């Protein structure tokens, strides 16, 4: 298998700034989800809020997961004009974020 080929998950953990309303957050999430329709390399999008009982979230409240078919697909997404425009809007709403890309790996038992 080529190095860049194979499913890649693009994970964003975010904490929205104080003063950003639930309505603004909902609209931002809809715009994020719509990138699937605008960026060909983005194959799927899911999101959720932290529900952990461990309280180890370090203030991160929202998780966003995008799926790509390769690392090249992620690179195309990151530089795509629709992503760049949206990312600038999202970054203005976030107090902090973490971004991680990884290739899901099955464990053979």
PDB file of N, CA and C in Angstrom:
ATOM      1  N   UNK A   1       0.854  -1.199   0.000  1.00  0.00           N
ATOM      2  CA  UNK A   1       0.000   0.000   0.000  1.00  0.00           C
ATOM      3  C   UNK A   1       0.885   1.242   0.000  1.00  0.00           C
ATOM      4  N   UNK A   2       0.523   2.205  -0.799  1.00  0.00           N
ATOM      5  CA  UNK A   2       1.275   3.451  -0.845  1.00  0.00           C
ATOM      6  C   UNK A   2       1.128   4.206   0.472  1.00  0.00           C
ATOM      7  N   UNK A   3       2.154   4.957   0.827  1.00  0.00           N
ATOM      8  CA  UNK A   3       2.191   5.683   2.094  1.00  0.00           C
ATOM      9  C   UNK A   3       0.958   6.556   2.327  1.00  0.00           C
ATOM     10  N   UNK A   4       0.541   7.328   1.322  1.00  0.00           N
ATOM     11  CA  UNK A   4      -0.552   8.278   1.496  1.00  0.00           C
ATOM     12  C   UNK A   4      -1.936   7.694   1.323  1.00  0.00           C
ATOM     13  N   UNK A   5      -2.018   6.474   0.773  1.00  0.00           N
ATOM     14  CA  UNK A   5      -3.328   5.880   0.492  1.00  0.00           C
ATOM     15  C   UNK A   5      -3.934   5.287   1.753  1.00  0.00           C
ATOM     16  N   UNK A   6      -5.253   5.137   1.747  1.00  0.00           N
ATOM     17  CA  UNK A   6      -5.975   4.580   2.889  1.00  0.00           C
ATOM     18  C   UNK A   6      -6.700   5.664   3.649  1.00  0.00           C
ATOM     19  N   UNK A   7      -7.811   5.280   4.240  1.00  0.00           N
ATOM     20  CA  UNK A   7      -8.671   6.237   4.941  1.00  0.00           C
ATOM     21  C   UNK A   7      -7.901   7.036   5.991  1.00  0.00           C
ATOM     22  N   UNK A   8      -8.206   8.344   6.029  1.00  0.00           N
ATOM     23  CA  UNK A   8      -7.607   9.250   7.005  1.00  0.00           C
ATOM     24  C   UNK A   8      -8.732   9.994   7.711  1.00  0.00           C
ATOM     25  N   UNK A   9      -8.642  10.083   9.025  1.00  0.00           N
ATOM     26  CA  UNK A   9      -9.573  10.862   9.836  1.00  0.00           C
ATOM     27  C   UNK A   9      -8.888  12.173  10.230  1.00  0.00           C
ATOM     28  N   UNK A  10      -9.605  13.258  10.045  1.00  0.00           N
ATOM     29  CA  UNK A  10      -9.138  14.603  10.402  1.00  0.00           C
ATOM     30  C   UNK A  10      -9.986  15.027  11.598  1.00  0.00           C
ATOM     31  N   UNK A  11      -9.359  15.111  12.764  1.00  0.00           N
ATOM     32  CA  UNK A  11     -10.067  15.388  14.009  1.00  0.00           C
ATOM     33  C   UNK A  11      -9.737  16.797  14.489  1.00  0.00           C
ATOM     34  N   UNK A  12     -10.780  17.551  14.811  1.00  0.00           N
ATOM     35  CA  UNK A  12     -10.617  18.888  15.386  1.00  0.00           C
ATOM     36  C   UNK A  12     -11.328  18.903  16.735  1.00  0.00           C
ATOM     37  N   UNK A  13     -10.597  19.255  17.782  1.00  0.00           N
ATOM     38  CA  UNK A  13     -11.182  19.480  19.105  1.00  0.00           C
ATOM     39  C   UNK A  13     -11.206  20.980  19.322  1.00  0.00           C
ATOM     40  N   UNK A  14     -12.355  21.504  19.727  1.00  0.00           N
ATOM     41  CA  UNK A  14     -12.457  22.944  19.892  1.00  0.00           C
ATOM     42  C   UNK A  14     -13.171  23.365  21.151  1.00  0.00           C
ATOM     43  N   UNK A  15     -12.818  24.531  21.611  1.00  0.00           N
ATOM     44  CA  UNK A  15     -13.529  25.203  22.702  1.00  0.00           C
ATOM     45  C   UNK A  15     -13.928  26.574  22.174  1.00  0.00           C
ATOM     46  N   UNK A  16     -15.230  26.811  22.107  1.00  0.00           N
ATOM     47  CA  UNK A  16     -15.719  28.093  21.610  1.00  0.00           C
ATOM     48  C   UNK A  16     -15.493  29.181  22.658  1.00  0.00           C
ATOM     49  N   UNK A  17     -15.270  30.398  22.182  1.00  0.00           N
ATOM     50  CA  UNK A  17     -15.049  31.550  23.060  1.00  0.00           C
ATOM     51  C   UNK A  17     -16.315  31.880  23.835  1.00  0.00           C
ATOM     52  N   UNK A  18     -16.119  32.460  25.008  1.00  0.00           N
ATOM     53  CA  UNK A  18     -17.240  33.000  25.778  1.00  0.00           C
ATOM     54  C   UNK A  18     -17.943  34.030  24.902  1.00  0.00           C
ATOM     55  N   UNK A  19     -19.261  34.052  24.940  1.00  0.00           N
ATOM     56  CA  UNK A  19     -20.011  35.029  24.170  1.00  0.00           C
ATOM     57  C   UNK A  19     -20.461  34.523  22.810  1.00  0.00           C
ATOM     58  N   UNK A  20     -19.948  33.374  22.375  1.00  0.00           N
ATOM     59  CA  UNK A  20     -20.431  32.769  21.131  1.00  0.00           C
ATOM     60  C   UNK A  20     -21.715  32.013  21.496  1.00  0.00           C
ATOM     61  N   UNK A  21     -22.816  32.398  20.892  1.00  0.00           N
ATOM     62  CA  UNK A  21     -24.122  31.821  21.245  1.00  0.00           C
ATOM     63  C   UNK A  21     -24.295  30.415  20.679  1.00  0.00           C
ATOM     64  N   UNK A  22     -25.234  29.677  21.232  1.00  0.00           N
ATOM     65  CA  UNK A  22     -25.558  28.338  20.720  1.00  0.00           C
ATOM     66  C   UNK A  22     -26.010  28.426  19.267  1.00  0.00           C
ATOM     67  N   UNK A  23     -26.730  29.482  18.928  1.00  0.00           N
ATOM     68  CA  UNK A  23     -27.171  29.667  17.546  1.00  0.00           C
ATOM     69  C   UNK A  23     -25.977  29.847  16.606  1.00  0.00           C
ATOM     70  N   UNK A  24     -24.993  30.618  17.051  1.00  0.00           N
ATOM     71  CA  UNK A  24     -23.787  30.821  16.241  1.00  0.00           C
ATOM     72  C   UNK A  24     -23.020  29.508  16.087  1.00  0.00           C
ATOM     73  N   UNK A  25     -22.957  28.723  17.167  1.00  0.00           N
ATOM     74  CA  UNK A  25     -22.273  27.433  17.116  1.00  0.00           C
ATOM     75  C   UNK A  25     -22.994  26.497  16.158  1.00  0.00           C
ATOM     76  N   UNK A  26     -24.312  26.431  16.256  1.00  0.00           N
ATOM     77  CA  UNK A  26     -25.097  25.573  15.363  1.00  0.00           C
ATOM     78  C   UNK A  26     -24.892  25.966  13.904  1.00  0.00           C
ATOM     79  N   UNK A  27     -24.881  27.254  13.614  1.00  0.00           N
ATOM     80  CA  UNK A  27     -24.677  27.722  12.240  1.00  0.00           C
ATOM     81  C   UNK A  27     -23.267  27.362  11.760  1.00  0.00           C
ATOM     82  N   UNK A  28     -22.298  27.509  12.631  1.00  0.00           N
ATOM     83  CA  UNK A  28     -20.922  27.166  12.276  1.00  0.00           C
ATOM     84  C   UNK A  28     -20.800  25.677  11.963  1.00  0.00           C
ATOM     85  N   UNK A  29     -21.464  24.841  12.744  1.00  0.00           N
ATOM     86  CA  UNK A  29     -21.424  23.391  12.510  1.00  0.00           C
ATOM     87  C   UNK A  29     -22.090  23.044  11.184  1.00  0.00           C
ATOM     88  N   UNK A  30     -23.189  23.700  10.859  1.00  0.00           N
ATOM     89  CA  UNK A  30     -23.852  23.464   9.564  1.00  0.00           C
ATOM     90  C   UNK A  30     -22.928  23.841   8.410  1.00  0.00           C
ATOM     91  N   UNK A  31     -22.220  24.961   8.558  1.00  0.00           N
ATOM     92  CA  UNK A  31     -21.281  25.383   7.513  1.00  0.00           C
ATOM     93  C   UNK A  31     -20.134  24.383   7.382  1.00  0.00           C
ATOM     94  N   UNK A  32     -19.670  23.877   8.514  1.00  0.00           N
ATOM     95  CA  UNK A  32     -18.602  22.857   8.497  1.00  0.00           C
ATOM     96  C   UNK A  32     -19.101  21.617   7.759  1.00  0.00           C
ATOM     97  N   UNK A  33     -20.280  21.138   8.130  1.00  0.00           N
ATOM     98  CA  UNK A  33     -20.850  19.944   7.499  1.00  0.00           C
ATOM     99  C   UNK A  33     -21.036  20.134   6.000  1.00  0.00           C
ATOM    100  N   UNK A  34     -21.367  21.348   5.577  1.00  0.00           N
ATOM    101  CA  UNK A  34     -21.602  21.618   4.163  1.00  0.00           C
ATOM    102  C   UNK A  34     -20.323  21.534   3.332  1.00  0.00           C
ATOM    103  N   UNK A  35     -19.164  21.564   3.967  1.00  0.00           N
ATOM    104  CA  UNK A  35     -17.916  21.428   3.221  1.00  0.00           C
ATOM    105  C   UNK A  35     -17.863  20.099   2.463  1.00  0.00           C
ATOM    106  N   UNK A  36     -18.587  19.076   2.943  1.00  0.00           N
ATOM    107  CA  UNK A  36     -18.658  17.797   2.229  1.00  0.00           C
ATOM    108  C   UNK A  36     -19.200  18.011   0.816  1.00  0.00           C
ATOM    109  N   UNK A  37     -20.102  18.974   0.659  1.00  0.00           N
ATOM    110  CA  UNK A  37     -20.683  19.275  -0.654  1.00  0.00           C
ATOM    111  C   UNK A  37     -19.812  20.194  -1.509  1.00  0.00           C
ATOM    112  N   UNK A  38     -18.816  20.806  -0.905  1.00  0.00           N
ATOM    113  CA  UNK A  38     -18.008  21.806  -1.600  1.00  0.00           C
ATOM    114  C   UNK A  38     -16.573  21.366  -1.877  1.00  0.00           C
ATOM    115  N   UNK A  39     -16.071  20.438  -1.073  1.00  0.00           N
ATOM    116  CA  UNK A  39     -14.680  19.992  -1.194  1.00  0.00           C
ATOM    117  C   UNK A  39     -14.691  18.513  -1.597  1.00  0.00           C
ATOM    118  N   UNK A  40     -14.346  18.204  -2.845  1.00  0.00           N
ATOM    119  CA  UNK A  40     -14.460  16.829  -3.344  1.00  0.00           C
ATOM    120  C   UNK A  40     -13.712  15.773  -2.532  1.00  0.00           C
ATOM    121  N   UNK A  41     -12.576  16.113  -1.950  1.00  0.00           N
ATOM    122  CA  UNK A  41     -11.792  15.105  -1.220  1.00  0.00           C
ATOM    123  C   UNK A  41     -12.377  14.766   0.153  1.00  0.00           C
ATOM    124  N   UNK A  42     -13.283  15.598   0.653  1.00  0.00           N
ATOM    125  CA  UNK A  42     -13.911  15.353   1.967  1.00  0.00           C
ATOM    126  C   UNK A  42     -15.087  14.403   1.762  1.00  0.00           C
ATOM    127  N   UNK A  43     -14.994  13.212   2.336  1.00  0.00           N
ATOM    128  CA  UNK A  43     -15.981  12.164   2.079  1.00  0.00           C
ATOM    129  C   UNK A  43     -17.092  12.089   3.126  1.00  0.00           C
ATOM    130  N   UNK A  44     -16.822  12.522   4.363  1.00  0.00           N
ATOM    131  CA  UNK A  44     -17.833  12.441   5.422  1.00  0.00           C
ATOM    132  C   UNK A  44     -17.489  13.419   6.537  1.00  0.00           C
ATOM    133  N   UNK A  45     -18.511  13.786   7.309  1.00  0.00           N
ATOM    134  CA  UNK A  45     -18.342  14.697   8.443  1.00  0.00           C
ATOM    135  C   UNK A  45     -19.265  14.258   9.570  1.00  0.00           C
ATOM    136  N   UNK A  46     -18.732  14.228  10.769  1.00  0.00           N
ATOM    137  CA  UNK A  46     -19.532  13.984  11.980  1.00  0.00           C
ATOM    138  C   UNK A  46     -19.012  14.904  13.080  1.00  0.00           C
ATOM    139  N   UNK A  47     -19.857  15.132  14.061  1.00  0.00           N
ATOM    140  CA  UNK A  47     -19.432  15.972  15.173  1.00  0.00           C
ATOM    141  C   UNK A  47     -20.173  15.541  16.426  1.00  0.00           C
ATOM    142  N   UNK A  48     -19.703  16.015  17.560  1.00  0.00           N
ATOM    143  CA  UNK A  48     -20.374  15.757  18.825  1.00  0.00           C
ATOM    144  C   UNK A  48     -19.779  16.625  19.918  1.00  0.00           C
ATOM    145  N   UNK A  49     -20.469  16.615  21.054  1.00  0.00           N
ATOM    146  CA  UNK A  49     -19.995  17.343  22.238  1.00  0.00           C
ATOM    147  C   UNK A  49     -19.401  16.346  23.229  1.00  0.00           C
ATOM    148  N   UNK A  50     -18.474  16.837  24.027  1.00  0.00           N
ATOM    149  CA  UNK A  50     -17.863  16.004  25.060  1.00  0.00           C
ATOM    150  C   UNK A  50     -18.931  15.515  26.034  1.00  0.00           C
ATOM    151  N   UNK A  51     -18.935  14.219  26.314  1.00  0.00           N
ATOM    152  CA  UNK A  51     -19.878  13.616  27.263  1.00  0.00           C
ATOM    153  C   UNK A  51     -19.138  12.768  28.294  1.00  0.00           C
ATOM    154  N   UNK A  52     -17.830  12.914  28.371  1.00  0.00           N
ATOM    155  CA  UNK A  52     -17.018  12.079  29.241  1.00  0.00           C
ATOM    156  C   UNK A  52     -17.269  12.375  30.714  1.00  0.00           C
ATOM    157  N   UNK A  53     -17.358  11.311  31.505  1.00  0.00           N
ATOM    158  CA  UNK A  53     -17.495  11.436  32.958  1.00  0.00           C
ATOM    159  C   UNK A  53     -16.134  11.633  33.620  1.00  0.00           C
ATOM    160  N   UNK A  54     -15.051  11.443  32.867  1.00  0.00           N
ATOM    161  CA  UNK A  54     -13.707  11.537  33.434  1.00  0.00           C
ATOM    162  C   UNK A  54     -13.246  12.972  33.675  1.00  0.00           C
ATOM    163  N   UNK A  55     -13.896  13.928  33.025  1.00  0.00           N
ATOM    164  CA  UNK A  55     -13.558  15.340  33.170  1.00  0.00           C
ATOM    165  C   UNK A  55     -12.090  15.626  32.834  1.00  0.00           C
ATOM    166  N   UNK A  56     -11.603  15.007  31.759  1.00  0.00           N
ATOM    167  CA  UNK A  56     -10.225  15.217  31.314  1.00  0.00           C
ATOM    168  C   UNK A  56     -10.174  15.976  29.987  1.00  0.00           C
ATOM    169  N   UNK A  57     -11.239  16.662  29.640  1.00  0.00           N
ATOM    170  CA  UNK A  57     -11.368  17.322  28.346  1.00  0.00           C
ATOM    171  C   UNK A  57     -10.542  18.592  28.199  1.00  0.00           C
ATOM    172  N   UNK A  58      -9.982  19.087  29.302  1.00  0.00           N
ATOM    173  CA  UNK A  58      -9.143  20.285  29.306  1.00  0.00           C
ATOM    174  C   UNK A  58      -9.842  21.490  28.682  1.00  0.00           C
ATOM    175  N   UNK A  59     -11.175  21.518  28.802  1.00  0.00           N
ATOM    176  CA  UNK A  59     -11.951  22.644  28.301  1.00  0.00           C
ATOM    177  C   UNK A  59     -12.469  22.478  26.890  1.00  0.00           C
ATOM    178  N   UNK A  60     -11.997  21.456  26.179  1.00  0.00           N
ATOM    179  CA  UNK A  60     -12.489  21.212  24.821  1.00  0.00           C
ATOM    180  C   UNK A  60     -13.905  20.662  24.908  1.00  0.00           C
ATOM    181  N   UNK A  61     -14.808  21.273  24.180  1.00  0.00           N
ATOM    182  CA  UNK A  61     -16.228  20.922  24.282  1.00  0.00           C
ATOM    183  C   UNK A  61     -16.794  20.250  23.041  1.00  0.00           C
ATOM    184  N   UNK A  62     -16.199  20.500  21.885  1.00  0.00           N
ATOM    185  CA  UNK A  62     -16.731  19.995  20.612  1.00  0.00           C
ATOM    186  C   UNK A  62     -15.674  19.188  19.865  1.00  0.00           C
ATOM    187  N   UNK A  63     -16.127  18.109  19.220  1.00  0.00           N
ATOM    188  CA  UNK A  63     -15.263  17.252  18.416  1.00  0.00           C
ATOM    189  C   UNK A  63     -15.835  17.204  17.005  1.00  0.00           C
ATOM    190  N   UNK A  64     -14.978  17.440  16.008  1.00  0.00           N
ATOM    191  CA  UNK A  64     -15.378  17.394  14.611  1.00  0.00           C
ATOM    192  C   UNK A  64     -14.505  16.364  13.900  1.00  0.00           C
ATOM    193  N   UNK A  65     -15.132  15.457  13.158  1.00  0.00           N
ATOM    194  CA  UNK A  65     -14.402  14.399  12.461  1.00  0.00           C
ATOM    195  C   UNK A  65     -14.736  14.431  10.977  1.00  0.00           C
ATOM    196  N   UNK A  66     -13.714  14.571  10.148  1.00  0.00           N
ATOM    197  CA  UNK A  66     -13.871  14.513   8.695  1.00  0.00           C
ATOM    198  C   UNK A  66     -13.118  13.298   8.185  1.00  0.00           C
ATOM    199  N   UNK A  67     -13.660  12.675   7.140  1.00  0.00           N
ATOM    200  CA  UNK A  67     -13.051  11.479   6.574  1.00  0.00           C
ATOM    201  C   UNK A  67     -12.557  11.757   5.157  1.00  0.00           C
ATOM    202  N   UNK A  68     -11.362  11.248   4.874  1.00  0.00           N
ATOM    203  CA  UNK A  68     -10.733  11.388   3.570  1.00  0.00           C
ATOM    204  C   UNK A  68     -10.208  10.032   3.124  1.00  0.00           C
ATOM    205  N   UNK A  69      -9.969   9.868   1.824  1.00  0.00           N
ATOM    206  CA  UNK A  69      -9.485   8.597   1.291  1.00  0.00           C
ATOM    207  C   UNK A  69      -7.961   8.482   1.316  1.00  0.00           C
ATOM    208  N   UNK A  70      -7.269   9.591   1.608  1.00  0.00           N
ATOM    209  CA  UNK A  70      -5.800   9.572   1.606  1.00  0.00           C
ATOM    210  C   UNK A  70      -5.271  10.835   2.287  1.00  0.00           C
ATOM    211  N   UNK A  71      -3.968  10.805   2.581  1.00  0.00           N
ATOM    212  CA  UNK A  71      -3.343  12.014   3.131  1.00  0.00           C
ATOM    213  C   UNK A  71      -3.324  13.121   2.085  1.00  0.00           C
ATOM    214  N   UNK A  72      -3.245  12.737   0.799  1.00  0.00           N
ATOM    215  CA  UNK A  72      -3.320  13.736  -0.272  1.00  0.00           C
ATOM    216  C   UNK A  72      -4.684  14.429  -0.258  1.00  0.00           C
ATOM    217  N   UNK A  73      -5.737  13.667   0.043  1.00  0.00           N
ATOM    218  CA  UNK A  73      -7.077  14.244   0.147  1.00  0.00           C
ATOM    219  C   UNK A  73      -7.164  15.281   1.243  1.00  0.00           C
ATOM    220  N   UNK A  74      -6.505  15.003   2.376  1.00  0.00           N
ATOM    221  CA  UNK A  74      -6.473  15.980   3.475  1.00  0.00           C
ATOM    222  C   UNK A  74      -5.740  17.235   3.025  1.00  0.00           C
ATOM    223  N   UNK A  75      -4.613  17.056   2.324  1.00  0.00           N
ATOM    224  CA  UNK A  75      -3.842  18.213   1.845  1.00  0.00           C
ATOM    225  C   UNK A  75      -4.672  19.054   0.877  1.00  0.00           C
ATOM    226  N   UNK A  76      -5.431  18.392  -0.009  1.00  0.00           N
ATOM    227  CA  UNK A  76      -6.306  19.125  -0.932  1.00  0.00           C
ATOM    228  C   UNK A  76      -7.359  19.910  -0.157  1.00  0.00           C
ATOM    229  N   UNK A  77      -7.924  19.299   0.871  1.00  0.00           N
ATOM    230  CA  UNK A  77      -8.945  19.931   1.713  1.00  0.00           C
ATOM    231  C   UNK A  77      -8.384  21.167   2.409  1.00  0.00           C
ATOM    232  N   UNK A  78      -7.223  21.008   3.026  1.00  0.00           N
ATOM    233  CA  UNK A  78      -6.622  22.099   3.801  1.00  0.00           C
ATOM    234  C   UNK A  78      -6.382  23.330   2.937  1.00  0.00           C
ATOM    235  N   UNK A  79      -6.017  23.123   1.676  1.00  0.00           N
ATOM    236  CA  UNK A  79      -5.726  24.265   0.804  1.00  0.00           C
ATOM    237  C   UNK A  79      -6.920  24.693  -0.054  1.00  0.00           C
ATOM    238  N   UNK A  80      -8.026  23.971   0.025  1.00  0.00           N
ATOM    239  CA  UNK A  80      -9.198  24.306  -0.799  1.00  0.00           C
ATOM    240  C   UNK A  80      -9.776  25.656  -0.363  1.00  0.00           C
ATOM    241  N   UNK A  81     -10.116  26.533  -1.305  1.00  0.00           N
ATOM    242  CA  UNK A  81     -10.629  27.869  -0.948  1.00  0.00           C
ATOM    243  C   UNK A  81     -11.851  27.857  -0.027  1.00  0.00           C
ATOM    244  N   UNK A  82     -12.769  26.911  -0.188  1.00  0.00           N
ATOM    245  CA  UNK A  82     -13.937  26.859   0.696  1.00  0.00           C
ATOM    246  C   UNK A  82     -13.527  26.498   2.121  1.00  0.00           C
ATOM    247  N   UNK A  83     -12.554  25.601   2.266  1.00  0.00           N
ATOM    248  CA  UNK A  83     -12.074  25.262   3.609  1.00  0.00           C
ATOM    249  C   UNK A  83     -11.352  26.445   4.227  1.00  0.00           C
ATOM    250  N   UNK A  84     -10.497  27.098   3.455  1.00  0.00           N
ATOM    251  CA  UNK A  84      -9.739  28.242   3.975  1.00  0.00           C
ATOM    252  C   UNK A  84     -10.696  29.329   4.468  1.00  0.00           C
ATOM    253  N   UNK A  85     -11.715  29.625   3.676  1.00  0.00           N
ATOM    254  CA  UNK A  85     -12.696  30.644   4.069  1.00  0.00           C
ATOM    255  C   UNK A  85     -13.423  30.241   5.353  1.00  0.00           C
ATOM    256  N   UNK A  86     -13.871  28.985   5.408  1.00  0.00           N
ATOM    257  CA  UNK A  86     -14.584  28.526   6.602  1.00  0.00           C
ATOM    258  C   UNK A  86     -13.654  28.479   7.817  1.00  0.00           C
ATOM    259  N   UNK A  87     -12.453  27.958   7.637  1.00  0.00           N
ATOM    260  CA  UNK A  87     -11.520  27.822   8.760  1.00  0.00           C
ATOM    261  C   UNK A  87     -11.232  29.173   9.408  1.00  0.00           C
ATOM    262  N   UNK A  88     -11.103  30.207   8.607  1.00  0.00           N
ATOM    263  CA  UNK A  88     -10.872  31.539   9.170  1.00  0.00           C
ATOM    264  C   UNK A  88     -12.040  31.994  10.038  1.00  0.00           C
ATOM    265  N   UNK A  89     -13.268  31.681   9.618  1.00  0.00           N
ATOM    266  CA  UNK A  89     -14.455  32.025  10.423  1.00  0.00           C
ATOM    267  C   UNK A  89     -14.476  31.221  11.715  1.00  0.00           C
ATOM    268  N   UNK A  90     -14.200  29.909  11.601  1.00  0.00           N
ATOM    269  CA  UNK A  90     -14.216  29.060  12.792  1.00  0.00           C
ATOM    270  C   UNK A  90     -13.141  29.477  13.782  1.00  0.00           C
ATOM    271  N   UNK A  91     -11.938  29.721  13.288  1.00  0.00           N
ATOM    272  CA  UNK A  91     -10.839  30.114  14.181  1.00  0.00           C
ATOM    273  C   UNK A  91     -11.171  31.373  14.966  1.00  0.00           C
ATOM    274  N   UNK A  92     -11.907  32.283  14.375  1.00  0.00           N
ATOM    275  CA  UNK A  92     -12.292  33.514  15.063  1.00  0.00           C
ATOM    276  C   UNK A  92     -13.258  33.248  16.206  1.00  0.00           C
ATOM    277  N   UNK A  93     -13.950  32.096  16.167  1.00  0.00           N
ATOM    278  CA  UNK A  93     -14.927  31.746  17.207  1.00  0.00           C
ATOM    279  C   UNK A  93     -14.340  30.878  18.315  1.00  0.00           C
ATOM    280  N   UNK A  94     -13.158  30.316  18.069  1.00  0.00           N
ATOM    281  CA  UNK A  94     -12.585  29.367  19.022  1.00  0.00           C
ATOM    282  C   UNK A  94     -11.564  30.002  19.949  1.00  0.00           C
ATOM    283  N   UNK A  95     -11.642  29.606  21.212  1.00  0.00           N
ATOM    284  CA  UNK A  95     -10.633  30.008  22.190  1.00  0.00           C
ATOM    285  C   UNK A  95      -9.376  29.164  22.007  1.00  0.00           C
ATOM    286  N   UNK A  96      -9.595  27.865  21.736  1.00  0.00           N
ATOM    287  CA  UNK A  96      -8.459  26.976  21.499  1.00  0.00           C
ATOM    288  C   UNK A  96      -8.915  25.778  20.682  1.00  0.00           C
ATOM    289  N   UNK A  97      -7.939  25.138  20.032  1.00  0.00           N
ATOM    290  CA  UNK A  97      -8.245  23.951  19.246  1.00  0.00           C
ATOM    291  C   UNK A  97      -7.027  23.057  19.143  1.00  0.00           C
ATOM    292  N   UNK A  98      -7.305  21.807  18.821  1.00  0.00           N
ATOM    293  CA  UNK A  98      -6.277  20.813  18.505  1.00  0.00           C
ATOM    294  C   UNK A  98      -6.724  20.152  17.215  1.00  0.00           C
ATOM    295  N   UNK A  99      -5.775  19.899  16.306  1.00  0.00           N
ATOM    296  CA  UNK A  99      -6.073  19.201  15.069  1.00  0.00           C
ATOM    297  C   UNK A  99      -5.149  17.989  14.977  1.00  0.00           C
ATOM    298  N   UNK A 100      -5.744  16.823  14.705  1.00  0.00           N
ATOM    299  CA  UNK A 100      -4.984  15.579  14.557  1.00  0.00           C
ATOM    300  C   UNK A 100      -5.510  14.844  13.339  1.00  0.00           C
ATOM    301  N   UNK A 101      -4.609  14.371  12.499  1.00  0.00           N
ATOM    302  CA  UNK A 101      -4.966  13.497  11.384  1.00  0.00           C
ATOM    303  C   UNK A 101      -4.384  12.118  11.694  1.00  0.00           C
ATOM    304  N   UNK A 102      -5.174  11.071  11.466  1.00  0.00           N
ATOM    305  CA  UNK A 102      -4.652   9.729  11.709  1.00  0.00           C
ATOM    306  C   UNK A 102      -5.293   8.740  10.751  1.00  0.00           C
ATOM    307  N   UNK A 103      -4.620   7.608  10.578  1.00  0.00           N
ATOM    308  CA  UNK A 103      -5.117   6.520   9.755  1.00  0.00           C
ATOM    309  C   UNK A 103      -5.646   5.444  10.705  1.00  0.00           C
ATOM    310  N   UNK A 104      -6.949   5.166  10.679  1.00  0.00           N
ATOM    311  CA  UNK A 104      -7.484   4.124  11.551  1.00  0.00           C
ATOM    312  C   UNK A 104      -6.811   2.780  11.259  1.00  0.00           C
ATOM    313  N   UNK A 105      -6.449   2.097  12.317  1.00  0.00           N
ATOM    314  CA  UNK A 105      -5.746   0.822  12.207  1.00  0.00           C
ATOM    315  C   UNK A 105      -6.502  -0.228  12.993  1.00  0.00           C
ATOM    316  N   UNK A 106      -6.832  -1.333  12.320  1.00  0.00           N
ATOM    317  CA  UNK A 106      -7.492  -2.447  12.996  1.00  0.00           C
ATOM    318  C   UNK A 106      -6.457  -3.261  13.750  1.00  0.00           C
ATOM    319  N   UNK A 107      -6.855  -3.748  14.899  1.00  0.00           N
ATOM    320  CA  UNK A 107      -5.993  -4.598  15.707  1.00  0.00           C
ATOM    321  C   UNK A 107      -6.352  -6.065  15.417  1.00  0.00           C
ATOM    322  N   UNK A 108      -5.362  -6.826  15.031  1.00  0.00           N
ATOM    323  CA  UNK A 108      -5.556  -8.248  14.781  1.00  0.00           C
ATOM    324  C   UNK A 108      -5.315  -9.001  16.088  1.00  0.00           C
ATOM    325  N   UNK A 109      -6.363  -9.672  16.580  1.00  0.00           N
ATOM    326  CA  UNK A 109      -6.219 -10.435  17.829  1.00  0.00           C
ATOM    327  C   UNK A 109      -6.128 -11.911  17.531  1.00  0.00           C
TER     328      UNK A 109
END
